[in-house]
Amino acid sequence: MRTPLLISLLTLFCQLLVAQQLYFPPDHNQGEWETTPPEELDFRADRIQELYEFLDDNQTKSFMLLKDGKIVLEQYFGSYTADSLWVWNSAGKSLRATMFGQAVEEGWLTLDDTSSDYLGTGWSSLTPEQESAITVLNHLTMTTGMDDMIPDCI
């Protein structure tokens, strides 16, 4: 049962990535995000509660589904709220990879570009030669050779 639901969610997520109309949510505390009712997207409203129960049963803290930058579904579980702080850890890697994938597809960068092309020089405590050897792909695949257990001296 989990596999078909996850595949459906991933398929839906991929379809939602292709925005038809640009909308950028307001900065934090500068206004409310616009919403799109699920019914406008032909969602099966009778299944939304089942989705929330599945997420809650699997210890999800929060869930948000966006369409063209507008909130379609938003739910918080347990004691979590929209203002709760939570560590992303590896979840941020998926978002970063998606954003980089879109940037590559739109020609804004290539995976072989050096990170210094975008971050300038001196973005780490490495030597300029070491920095210039690190590519976008190295960051995405976590193969920069940098040790995040060593504090940065900058």
N, C-alpha and C. Protein backbone atom coordinates (compact mmCIF):
# COMPACT_ATOMS: atom_id res chain seq x y z
N MET A 1 0.82 -1.20 0.00
CA MET A 1 0.00 0.00 0.00
C MET A 1 0.86 1.25 0.00
N ARG A 2 1.99 1.23 0.67
CA ARG A 2 2.84 2.41 0.74
C ARG A 2 3.46 2.74 -0.60
N THR A 3 3.89 1.72 -1.35
CA THR A 3 4.57 1.97 -2.61
C THR A 3 3.67 2.70 -3.61
N PRO A 4 2.42 2.26 -3.86
CA PRO A 4 1.58 3.00 -4.80
C PRO A 4 1.32 4.43 -4.35
N LEU A 5 1.14 4.65 -3.06
CA LEU A 5 0.89 6.00 -2.56
C LEU A 5 2.12 6.87 -2.77
N LEU A 6 3.29 6.34 -2.47
CA LEU A 6 4.52 7.10 -2.65
C LEU A 6 4.77 7.41 -4.12
N ILE A 7 4.52 6.44 -4.98
CA ILE A 7 4.68 6.67 -6.42
C ILE A 7 3.71 7.74 -6.88
N SER A 8 2.50 7.69 -6.40
CA SER A 8 1.51 8.71 -6.77
C SER A 8 1.94 10.09 -6.29
N LEU A 9 2.45 10.16 -5.06
CA LEU A 9 2.90 11.44 -4.53
C LEU A 9 4.09 11.98 -5.32
N LEU A 10 5.03 11.11 -5.65
CA LEU A 10 6.19 11.55 -6.43
C LEU A 10 5.77 12.01 -7.83
N THR A 11 4.85 11.28 -8.45
CA THR A 11 4.35 11.67 -9.76
C THR A 11 3.67 13.02 -9.70
N LEU A 12 2.84 13.20 -8.68
CA LEU A 12 2.15 14.48 -8.50
C LEU A 12 3.15 15.60 -8.29
N PHE A 13 4.16 15.34 -7.46
CA PHE A 13 5.19 16.34 -7.18
C PHE A 13 5.89 16.75 -8.47
N CYS A 14 6.26 15.78 -9.31
CA CYS A 14 6.95 16.08 -10.56
C CYS A 14 6.06 16.91 -11.48
N GLN A 15 4.78 16.59 -11.52
CA GLN A 15 3.86 17.36 -12.36
C GLN A 15 3.72 18.78 -11.86
N LEU A 16 3.78 18.96 -10.55
CA LEU A 16 3.61 20.29 -9.97
C LEU A 16 4.84 21.17 -10.17
N LEU A 17 5.97 20.57 -10.52
CA LEU A 17 7.19 21.35 -10.70
C LEU A 17 7.11 22.27 -11.92
N VAL A 18 6.30 21.89 -12.89
CA VAL A 18 6.20 22.67 -14.10
C VAL A 18 5.14 23.74 -13.89
N ALA A 19 5.58 24.93 -13.53
CA ALA A 19 4.65 26.02 -13.23
C ALA A 19 4.12 26.66 -14.50
N GLN A 20 2.83 26.92 -14.53
CA GLN A 20 2.22 27.56 -15.68
C GLN A 20 2.18 29.07 -15.50
N GLN A 21 2.12 29.52 -14.26
CA GLN A 21 2.05 30.94 -13.99
C GLN A 21 2.98 31.21 -12.81
N LEU A 22 3.86 32.20 -12.95
CA LEU A 22 4.81 32.48 -11.89
C LEU A 22 4.13 33.20 -10.73
N TYR A 23 4.33 32.66 -9.55
CA TYR A 23 3.86 33.29 -8.33
C TYR A 23 4.94 33.08 -7.29
N PHE A 24 5.33 34.13 -6.63
CA PHE A 24 6.34 34.03 -5.59
C PHE A 24 5.70 34.39 -4.27
N PRO A 25 5.73 33.48 -3.30
CA PRO A 25 5.13 33.77 -1.99
C PRO A 25 5.81 34.98 -1.35
N PRO A 26 5.08 35.69 -0.51
CA PRO A 26 5.67 36.85 0.16
C PRO A 26 6.75 36.42 1.15
N ASP A 27 7.66 37.34 1.45
CA ASP A 27 8.67 37.07 2.47
C ASP A 27 7.98 36.76 3.80
N HIS A 28 8.70 36.02 4.66
CA HIS A 28 8.18 35.63 5.96
C HIS A 28 7.64 36.86 6.70
N ASN A 29 6.47 36.75 7.25
CA ASN A 29 5.80 37.81 8.03
C ASN A 29 5.46 39.05 7.19
N GLN A 30 5.45 38.93 5.88
CA GLN A 30 5.12 40.06 5.01
C GLN A 30 3.79 39.87 4.29
N GLY A 31 3.05 38.86 4.67
CA GLY A 31 1.78 38.61 4.01
C GLY A 31 1.47 37.13 3.98
N GLU A 32 0.30 36.81 3.54
CA GLU A 32 -0.15 35.41 3.49
C GLU A 32 0.13 34.82 2.12
N TRP A 33 0.51 33.55 2.12
CA TRP A 33 0.67 32.83 0.86
C TRP A 33 -0.69 32.65 0.22
N GLU A 34 -0.72 32.72 -1.09
CA GLU A 34 -1.96 32.43 -1.80
C GLU A 34 -2.20 30.92 -1.76
N THR A 35 -3.44 30.54 -1.89
CA THR A 35 -3.79 29.12 -1.85
C THR A 35 -4.58 28.76 -3.12
N THR A 36 -4.58 27.48 -3.40
CA THR A 36 -5.40 26.91 -4.46
C THR A 36 -6.19 25.78 -3.83
N PRO A 37 -7.51 25.84 -3.84
CA PRO A 37 -8.30 24.75 -3.25
C PRO A 37 -8.06 23.43 -4.00
N PRO A 38 -7.92 22.34 -3.27
CA PRO A 38 -7.68 21.04 -3.93
C PRO A 38 -8.74 20.70 -4.98
N GLU A 39 -9.95 21.14 -4.76
CA GLU A 39 -11.04 20.84 -5.69
C GLU A 39 -10.78 21.44 -7.08
N GLU A 40 -10.08 22.60 -7.13
CA GLU A 40 -9.77 23.21 -8.42
C GLU A 40 -8.81 22.36 -9.24
N LEU A 41 -8.08 21.47 -8.57
CA LEU A 41 -7.11 20.61 -9.24
C LEU A 41 -7.63 19.20 -9.42
N ASP A 42 -8.94 19.04 -9.21
CA ASP A 42 -9.59 17.74 -9.33
C ASP A 42 -9.02 16.69 -8.38
N PHE A 43 -8.57 17.14 -7.21
CA PHE A 43 -8.13 16.20 -6.18
C PHE A 43 -9.34 15.46 -5.63
N ARG A 44 -9.12 14.26 -5.22
CA ARG A 44 -10.19 13.50 -4.57
C ARG A 44 -10.22 13.90 -3.11
N ALA A 45 -11.10 14.81 -2.77
CA ALA A 45 -11.20 15.34 -1.41
C ALA A 45 -11.43 14.24 -0.39
N ASP A 46 -12.10 13.17 -0.81
CA ASP A 46 -12.37 12.07 0.12
C ASP A 46 -11.12 11.30 0.49
N ARG A 47 -9.99 11.51 -0.21
CA ARG A 47 -8.74 10.79 0.08
C ARG A 47 -7.73 11.63 0.86
N ILE A 48 -7.98 12.93 0.99
CA ILE A 48 -7.02 13.81 1.66
C ILE A 48 -6.84 13.41 3.12
N GLN A 49 -7.92 13.12 3.81
CA GLN A 49 -7.81 12.71 5.21
C GLN A 49 -7.02 11.41 5.34
N GLU A 50 -7.19 10.50 4.40
CA GLU A 50 -6.43 9.25 4.40
C GLU A 50 -4.93 9.54 4.25
N LEU A 51 -4.59 10.50 3.38
CA LEU A 51 -3.20 10.91 3.23
C LEU A 51 -2.65 11.45 4.54
N TYR A 52 -3.41 12.34 5.19
CA TYR A 52 -2.96 12.91 6.46
C TYR A 52 -2.77 11.82 7.52
N GLU A 53 -3.66 10.85 7.56
CA GLU A 53 -3.52 9.75 8.52
C GLU A 53 -2.26 8.93 8.24
N PHE A 54 -1.99 8.67 6.96
CA PHE A 54 -0.77 7.96 6.58
C PHE A 54 0.46 8.73 7.04
N LEU A 55 0.48 10.03 6.78
CA LEU A 55 1.63 10.86 7.18
C LEU A 55 1.78 10.88 8.69
N ASP A 56 0.69 11.01 9.40
CA ASP A 56 0.74 11.03 10.87
C ASP A 56 1.22 9.68 11.41
N ASP A 57 0.73 8.61 10.85
CA ASP A 57 1.15 7.27 11.28
C ASP A 57 2.65 7.04 11.06
N ASN A 58 3.22 7.75 10.09
CA ASN A 58 4.64 7.59 9.77
C ASN A 58 5.49 8.71 10.37
N GLN A 59 4.96 9.31 11.43
CA GLN A 59 5.66 10.30 12.24
C GLN A 59 6.11 11.54 11.46
N THR A 60 5.30 11.96 10.51
CA THR A 60 5.56 13.19 9.77
C THR A 60 5.28 14.36 10.68
N LYS A 61 6.11 15.38 10.61
CA LYS A 61 5.93 16.57 11.45
C LYS A 61 5.04 17.59 10.76
N SER A 62 5.22 17.74 9.45
CA SER A 62 4.40 18.68 8.69
C SER A 62 4.40 18.25 7.23
N PHE A 63 3.41 18.72 6.50
CA PHE A 63 3.29 18.38 5.08
C PHE A 63 2.70 19.58 4.36
N MET A 64 3.32 19.94 3.25
CA MET A 64 2.79 21.03 2.44
C MET A 64 2.92 20.64 0.97
N LEU A 65 1.86 20.85 0.22
CA LEU A 65 1.86 20.59 -1.20
C LEU A 65 1.58 21.91 -1.90
N LEU A 66 2.45 22.28 -2.83
CA LEU A 66 2.32 23.54 -3.55
C LEU A 66 2.01 23.28 -5.01
N LYS A 67 1.27 24.17 -5.61
CA LYS A 67 1.03 24.17 -7.06
C LYS A 67 1.28 25.59 -7.52
N ASP A 68 2.27 25.76 -8.38
CA ASP A 68 2.64 27.08 -8.87
C ASP A 68 2.93 28.04 -7.73
N GLY A 69 3.53 27.53 -6.66
CA GLY A 69 3.90 28.38 -5.53
C GLY A 69 2.78 28.65 -4.55
N LYS A 70 1.59 28.19 -4.85
CA LYS A 70 0.43 28.41 -3.98
C LYS A 70 0.17 27.16 -3.17
N ILE A 71 -0.28 27.34 -1.95
CA ILE A 71 -0.54 26.21 -1.05
C ILE A 71 -1.83 25.50 -1.45
N VAL A 72 -1.71 24.19 -1.66
CA VAL A 72 -2.88 23.36 -1.95
C VAL A 72 -3.26 22.59 -0.68
N LEU A 73 -2.28 21.97 -0.05
CA LEU A 73 -2.50 21.23 1.20
C LEU A 73 -1.44 21.68 2.20
N GLU A 74 -1.84 21.82 3.44
CA GLU A 74 -0.92 22.17 4.52
C GLU A 74 -1.45 21.54 5.80
N GLN A 75 -0.62 20.73 6.43
CA GLN A 75 -1.07 20.03 7.63
C GLN A 75 0.11 19.87 8.58
N TYR A 76 -0.14 20.02 9.86
CA TYR A 76 0.88 19.84 10.90
C TYR A 76 0.40 18.75 11.84
N PHE A 77 1.36 18.00 12.38
CA PHE A 77 1.02 16.84 13.19
C PHE A 77 1.62 16.96 14.58
N GLY A 78 0.96 16.34 15.55
CA GLY A 78 1.45 16.38 16.93
C GLY A 78 1.48 17.80 17.43
N SER A 79 2.59 18.18 18.03
CA SER A 79 2.71 19.53 18.60
C SER A 79 3.32 20.53 17.62
N TYR A 80 3.54 20.12 16.37
CA TYR A 80 4.20 20.99 15.40
C TYR A 80 3.21 21.97 14.78
N THR A 81 3.71 23.18 14.51
CA THR A 81 2.92 24.24 13.89
C THR A 81 3.74 24.84 12.74
N ALA A 82 3.17 25.80 12.06
CA ALA A 82 3.88 26.48 10.97
C ALA A 82 5.12 27.20 11.48
N ASP A 83 5.16 27.53 12.75
CA ASP A 83 6.30 28.26 13.32
C ASP A 83 7.29 27.37 14.06
N SER A 84 7.05 26.07 14.08
CA SER A 84 7.96 25.16 14.77
C SER A 84 9.29 25.06 14.04
N LEU A 85 10.36 25.02 14.80
CA LEU A 85 11.68 24.83 14.22
C LEU A 85 11.96 23.34 14.12
N TRP A 86 12.55 22.93 13.01
CA TRP A 86 12.87 21.52 12.81
C TRP A 86 14.10 21.43 11.94
N VAL A 87 15.00 20.53 12.27
CA VAL A 87 16.22 20.35 11.52
C VAL A 87 15.90 19.56 10.24
N TRP A 88 16.35 20.06 9.11
CA TRP A 88 16.10 19.41 7.83
C TRP A 88 16.99 18.22 7.60
N ASN A 89 18.25 18.32 8.00
CA ASN A 89 19.24 17.29 7.72
C ASN A 89 19.20 16.90 6.25
N SER A 90 19.07 15.65 5.94
CA SER A 90 19.18 15.18 4.56
C SER A 90 17.99 15.56 3.69
N ALA A 91 16.88 15.97 4.26
CA ALA A 91 15.74 16.35 3.43
C ALA A 91 16.08 17.53 2.53
N GLY A 92 16.95 18.40 2.99
CA GLY A 92 17.36 19.54 2.18
C GLY A 92 18.09 19.14 0.92
N LYS A 93 18.71 17.96 0.93
CA LYS A 93 19.45 17.49 -0.24
C LYS A 93 18.49 17.24 -1.41
N SER A 94 17.33 16.72 -1.13
CA SER A 94 16.35 16.47 -2.19
C SER A 94 15.89 17.77 -2.82
N LEU A 95 15.60 18.75 -1.99
CA LEU A 95 15.16 20.04 -2.51
C LEU A 95 16.29 20.68 -3.31
N ARG A 96 17.50 20.65 -2.79
CA ARG A 96 18.64 21.24 -3.49
C ARG A 96 18.85 20.54 -4.84
N ALA A 97 18.80 19.22 -4.87
CA ALA A 97 19.00 18.49 -6.12
C ALA A 97 17.91 18.84 -7.14
N THR A 98 16.69 18.99 -6.69
CA THR A 98 15.59 19.36 -7.59
C THR A 98 15.83 20.75 -8.17
N MET A 99 16.22 21.68 -7.33
CA MET A 99 16.47 23.05 -7.79
C MET A 99 17.65 23.09 -8.78
N PHE A 100 18.71 22.35 -8.48
CA PHE A 100 19.84 22.31 -9.39
C PHE A 100 19.45 21.65 -10.70
N GLY A 101 18.63 20.61 -10.64
CA GLY A 101 18.16 19.95 -11.86
C GLY A 101 17.41 20.92 -12.75
N GLN A 102 16.56 21.75 -12.16
CA GLN A 102 15.84 22.74 -12.95
C GLN A 102 16.80 23.77 -13.54
N ALA A 103 17.79 24.20 -12.74
CA ALA A 103 18.76 25.18 -13.22
C ALA A 103 19.57 24.62 -14.40
N VAL A 104 19.96 23.35 -14.31
CA VAL A 104 20.70 22.71 -15.41
C VAL A 104 19.80 22.63 -16.64
N GLU A 105 18.56 22.18 -16.44
CA GLU A 105 17.62 22.04 -17.57
C GLU A 105 17.38 23.37 -18.27
N GLU A 106 17.35 24.46 -17.50
CA GLU A 106 17.10 25.78 -18.08
C GLU A 106 18.38 26.47 -18.54
N GLY A 107 19.53 25.79 -18.41
CA GLY A 107 20.77 26.32 -18.92
C GLY A 107 21.44 27.37 -18.04
N TRP A 108 21.07 27.46 -16.78
CA TRP A 108 21.67 28.45 -15.88
C TRP A 108 23.04 28.00 -15.38
N LEU A 109 23.29 26.70 -15.36
CA LEU A 109 24.58 26.17 -14.94
C LEU A 109 24.76 24.78 -15.49
N THR A 110 25.99 24.27 -15.38
CA THR A 110 26.24 22.87 -15.72
C THR A 110 26.87 22.22 -14.50
N LEU A 111 26.76 20.94 -14.43
CA LEU A 111 27.30 20.22 -13.27
C LEU A 111 28.82 20.27 -13.21
N ASP A 112 29.47 20.54 -14.34
CA ASP A 112 30.92 20.62 -14.38
C ASP A 112 31.45 22.00 -14.02
N ASP A 113 30.57 22.99 -13.85
CA ASP A 113 31.01 24.32 -13.43
C ASP A 113 31.67 24.23 -12.06
N THR A 114 32.67 25.06 -11.83
CA THR A 114 33.26 25.08 -10.49
C THR A 114 32.36 25.86 -9.55
N SER A 115 32.35 25.47 -8.32
CA SER A 115 31.53 26.16 -7.32
C SER A 115 31.95 27.62 -7.19
N SER A 116 33.23 27.88 -7.40
CA SER A 116 33.73 29.25 -7.30
C SER A 116 33.13 30.16 -8.37
N ASP A 117 32.64 29.58 -9.48
CA ASP A 117 31.95 30.39 -10.50
C ASP A 117 30.75 31.11 -9.89
N TYR A 118 30.14 30.53 -8.88
CA TYR A 118 28.93 31.08 -8.28
C TYR A 118 29.16 31.66 -6.89
N LEU A 119 30.14 31.11 -6.19
CA LEU A 119 30.39 31.55 -4.81
C LEU A 119 31.55 32.53 -4.70
N GLY A 120 32.25 32.72 -5.80
CA GLY A 120 33.45 33.57 -5.76
C GLY A 120 34.59 32.79 -5.12
N THR A 121 35.68 33.48 -4.82
CA THR A 121 36.81 32.83 -4.17
C THR A 121 36.75 33.10 -2.68
N GLY A 122 37.37 32.23 -1.93
CA GLY A 122 37.40 32.42 -0.49
C GLY A 122 36.13 31.99 0.22
N TRP A 123 35.32 31.15 -0.42
CA TRP A 123 34.06 30.71 0.20
C TRP A 123 34.28 29.61 1.23
N SER A 124 35.52 29.15 1.35
CA SER A 124 35.84 28.13 2.34
C SER A 124 37.21 28.43 2.93
N SER A 125 37.67 27.56 3.78
CA SER A 125 39.01 27.71 4.35
C SER A 125 40.05 26.97 3.51
N LEU A 126 39.65 26.46 2.35
CA LEU A 126 40.57 25.76 1.46
C LEU A 126 41.46 26.75 0.72
N THR A 127 42.51 26.24 0.11
CA THR A 127 43.35 27.09 -0.74
C THR A 127 42.57 27.40 -2.01
N PRO A 128 42.94 28.47 -2.72
CA PRO A 128 42.26 28.79 -3.98
C PRO A 128 42.32 27.63 -4.98
N GLU A 129 43.44 26.90 -5.03
CA GLU A 129 43.56 25.77 -5.94
C GLU A 129 42.57 24.66 -5.58
N GLN A 130 42.44 24.39 -4.28
CA GLN A 130 41.49 23.36 -3.84
C GLN A 130 40.05 23.78 -4.14
N GLU A 131 39.74 25.04 -3.85
CA GLU A 131 38.39 25.53 -4.14
C GLU A 131 38.05 25.41 -5.62
N SER A 132 38.98 25.79 -6.47
CA SER A 132 38.70 25.80 -7.92
C SER A 132 38.55 24.39 -8.49
N ALA A 133 38.93 23.37 -7.73
CA ALA A 133 38.78 21.98 -8.20
C ALA A 133 37.40 21.40 -7.85
N ILE A 134 36.65 22.10 -7.04
CA ILE A 134 35.34 21.59 -6.59
C ILE A 134 34.25 22.07 -7.55
N THR A 135 33.46 21.12 -8.04
CA THR A 135 32.41 21.43 -9.02
C THR A 135 31.02 21.37 -8.36
N VAL A 136 30.04 21.83 -9.11
CA VAL A 136 28.65 21.73 -8.69
C VAL A 136 28.30 20.27 -8.43
N LEU A 137 28.73 19.39 -9.33
CA LEU A 137 28.46 17.96 -9.17
C LEU A 137 29.06 17.43 -7.86
N ASN A 138 30.26 17.89 -7.51
CA ASN A 138 30.86 17.46 -6.24
C ASN A 138 29.96 17.80 -5.06
N HIS A 139 29.38 18.99 -5.09
CA HIS A 139 28.47 19.37 -3.99
C HIS A 139 27.23 18.48 -3.97
N LEU A 140 26.67 18.25 -5.13
CA LEU A 140 25.44 17.45 -5.20
C LEU A 140 25.67 16.01 -4.78
N THR A 141 26.85 15.49 -5.06
CA THR A 141 27.14 14.09 -4.72
C THR A 141 27.93 13.96 -3.42
N MET A 142 28.13 15.09 -2.75
CA MET A 142 28.85 15.13 -1.47
C MET A 142 30.25 14.52 -1.61
N THR A 143 30.93 14.91 -2.71
CA THR A 143 32.28 14.42 -2.96
C THR A 143 33.26 15.58 -3.09
N THR A 144 33.06 16.62 -2.29
CA THR A 144 33.95 17.78 -2.34
C THR A 144 35.29 17.50 -1.70
N GLY A 145 35.35 16.50 -0.83
CA GLY A 145 36.57 16.23 -0.08
C GLY A 145 36.66 17.05 1.19
N MET A 146 35.67 17.91 1.40
CA MET A 146 35.65 18.75 2.60
C MET A 146 35.10 17.94 3.77
N ASP A 147 35.57 18.22 4.95
CA ASP A 147 35.14 17.51 6.15
C ASP A 147 34.30 18.47 6.98
N ASP A 148 33.00 18.21 7.06
CA ASP A 148 32.13 19.13 7.81
C ASP A 148 32.29 19.00 9.32
N MET A 149 33.12 18.08 9.75
CA MET A 149 33.38 17.94 11.19
C MET A 149 34.49 18.88 11.65
N ILE A 150 35.20 19.47 10.69
CA ILE A 150 36.26 20.41 11.01
C ILE A 150 35.69 21.82 10.88
N PRO A 151 35.72 22.61 11.95
CA PRO A 151 35.15 23.96 11.89
C PRO A 151 35.86 24.81 10.83
N ASP A 152 35.06 25.61 10.11
CA ASP A 152 35.61 26.50 9.12
C ASP A 152 36.27 27.69 9.83
N CYS A 153 37.44 28.05 9.42
CA CYS A 153 38.19 29.09 10.11
C CYS A 153 37.84 30.49 9.61
N ILE A 154 37.01 30.61 8.61
CA ILE A 154 36.69 31.92 8.07
C ILE A 154 35.66 32.61 8.94
